[in-house]
Amino acid sequence: MVGGLLALGLALGVEDISTRQSTSEAREKKYRVRSKAQKFCETFKAELGSTTCGDLRVKVMGPEYVNYDGRDPKWSERFIREGGAKKCRIQVETGARIAAAILLEEE
């Protein structure tokens, strides 16, 4: 999900964030980007049920993953063994598709 938001910010945001312009044009651009980010989050949540990694992990890996701790080697090994990387790719792919659709609307 974060990757999709970053892509929107890079594509639609200001080029130099060190300059704080208070022009109406700068404010309009800021609100437009925020609106697109909000749309992204709402669409992501509508499709997958949450925007939180922990919730999504439980959804794709099972209820026992409520207590998942990625710092614990046993959990990490189990996650890999049970196909976690492949299953969690769904969230990344969904975020990329939603971000791309929003960016295509801009054209």
Protein backbone atom coordinates (compact mmCIF):
# COMPACT_ATOMS: atom_id res chain seq x y z
CA MET A 1 0.00 0.00 0.00
CA VAL A 2 2.75 2.43 0.90
CA GLY A 3 4.36 1.93 -2.51
CA GLY A 4 1.17 3.06 -4.24
CA LEU A 5 0.99 6.20 -2.10
CA LEU A 6 4.65 6.94 -2.79
CA ALA A 7 4.06 6.56 -6.53
CA LEU A 8 1.16 9.02 -6.38
CA GLY A 9 3.24 11.50 -4.42
CA LEU A 10 6.14 11.25 -6.83
CA ALA A 11 3.96 11.55 -9.91
CA LEU A 12 1.61 14.28 -8.70
CA GLY A 13 3.42 16.10 -5.90
CA VAL A 14 5.76 19.05 -5.98
CA GLU A 15 9.30 18.53 -7.20
CA ASP A 16 11.01 20.43 -4.40
CA ILE A 17 9.41 20.05 -0.99
CA SER A 18 11.96 22.35 0.63
CA THR A 19 10.15 25.37 -0.79
CA ARG A 20 6.90 26.00 0.98
CA GLN A 21 4.86 27.92 -1.52
CA SER A 22 1.64 29.37 -0.24
CA THR A 23 0.27 30.30 -3.63
CA SER A 24 -3.24 29.26 -4.53
CA GLU A 25 -1.76 27.02 -7.23
CA ALA A 26 0.46 25.22 -4.69
CA ARG A 27 -2.48 24.75 -2.29
CA GLU A 28 -4.67 23.46 -5.10
CA LYS A 29 -2.01 20.93 -6.09
CA LYS A 30 -1.58 19.83 -2.46
CA TYR A 31 -5.30 19.22 -2.05
CA ARG A 32 -5.52 17.41 -5.37
CA VAL A 33 -2.72 15.04 -4.32
CA ARG A 34 -4.36 14.48 -0.93
CA SER A 35 -7.66 13.74 -2.66
CA LYS A 36 -5.97 11.15 -4.89
CA ALA A 37 -4.22 9.59 -1.88
CA GLN A 38 -7.55 9.39 -0.03
CA LYS A 39 -9.17 7.78 -3.06
CA PHE A 40 -6.31 5.28 -3.19
CA CYS A 41 -6.76 4.33 0.49
CA GLU A 42 -10.53 4.06 0.21
CA THR A 43 -10.31 1.87 -2.90
CA PHE A 44 -7.60 -0.33 -1.37
CA LYS A 45 -9.67 -0.82 1.79
CA ALA A 46 -12.84 -1.52 -0.20
CA GLU A 47 -11.07 -4.22 -2.20
CA LEU A 48 -9.00 -5.89 0.53
CA GLY A 49 -10.85 -5.00 3.72
CA SER A 50 -8.07 -3.09 5.47
CA THR A 51 -5.06 -0.87 4.95
CA THR A 52 -3.11 -2.43 7.81
CA CYS A 53 -0.46 -5.06 7.08
CA GLY A 54 -1.25 -7.05 10.22
CA ASP A 55 -4.93 -7.32 9.30
CA LEU A 56 -4.12 -8.25 5.73
CA ARG A 57 -1.56 -10.85 6.82
CA VAL A 58 -4.15 -12.57 9.00
CA LYS A 59 -6.61 -12.49 6.12
CA VAL A 60 -4.23 -14.22 3.67
CA MET A 61 -2.21 -16.38 6.08
CA GLY A 62 -4.82 -17.35 8.67
CA PRO A 63 -5.92 -16.37 12.18
CA GLU A 64 -2.84 -17.85 13.84
CA TYR A 65 -0.85 -15.01 12.25
CA VAL A 66 -2.43 -12.51 14.66
CA ASN A 67 0.66 -12.93 16.84
CA TYR A 68 3.15 -12.98 13.95
CA ASP A 69 6.56 -11.53 14.80
CA GLY A 70 8.82 -11.08 11.78
CA ARG A 71 11.84 -10.66 14.07
CA ASP A 72 11.43 -14.22 15.34
CA PRO A 73 13.31 -16.65 13.06
CA LYS A 74 10.72 -19.38 13.69
CA TRP A 75 7.91 -17.12 12.50
CA SER A 76 9.95 -15.97 9.50
CA GLU A 77 10.70 -19.55 8.48
CA ARG A 78 7.05 -20.51 8.85
CA PHE A 79 5.91 -17.50 6.86
CA ILE A 80 8.24 -18.42 4.00
CA ARG A 81 7.37 -22.13 4.20
CA GLU A 82 3.64 -21.33 4.01
CA GLY A 83 4.07 -19.12 0.94
CA GLY A 84 3.74 -15.78 2.71
CA ALA A 85 5.78 -13.84 0.18
CA LYS A 86 3.61 -15.05 -2.68
CA LYS A 87 0.35 -14.54 -0.77
CA CYS A 88 1.28 -11.04 0.39
CA ARG A 89 2.11 -10.07 -3.17
CA ILE A 90 -1.65 -9.66 -3.66
CA GLN A 91 -1.57 -6.47 -1.59
CA VAL A 92 1.37 -5.05 -3.53
CA GLU A 93 -0.21 -5.88 -6.88
CA THR A 94 -3.54 -4.40 -5.79
CA GLY A 95 -1.85 -1.19 -4.64
CA ALA A 96 0.07 -0.88 -7.90
CA ARG A 97 -3.09 -1.40 -9.98
CA ILE A 98 -5.07 1.17 -8.00
CA ALA A 99 -2.26 3.74 -8.17
CA ALA A 100 -1.87 3.19 -11.92
CA ALA A 101 -5.61 3.65 -12.46
CA ILE A 102 -5.58 6.92 -10.51
CA LEU A 103 -2.58 8.17 -12.47
CA LEU A 104 -4.21 7.25 -15.77
CA GLU A 105 -7.24 9.33 -14.76
CA GLU A 106 -4.90 12.32 -14.66
CA GLU A 107 -4.02 12.01 -18.34
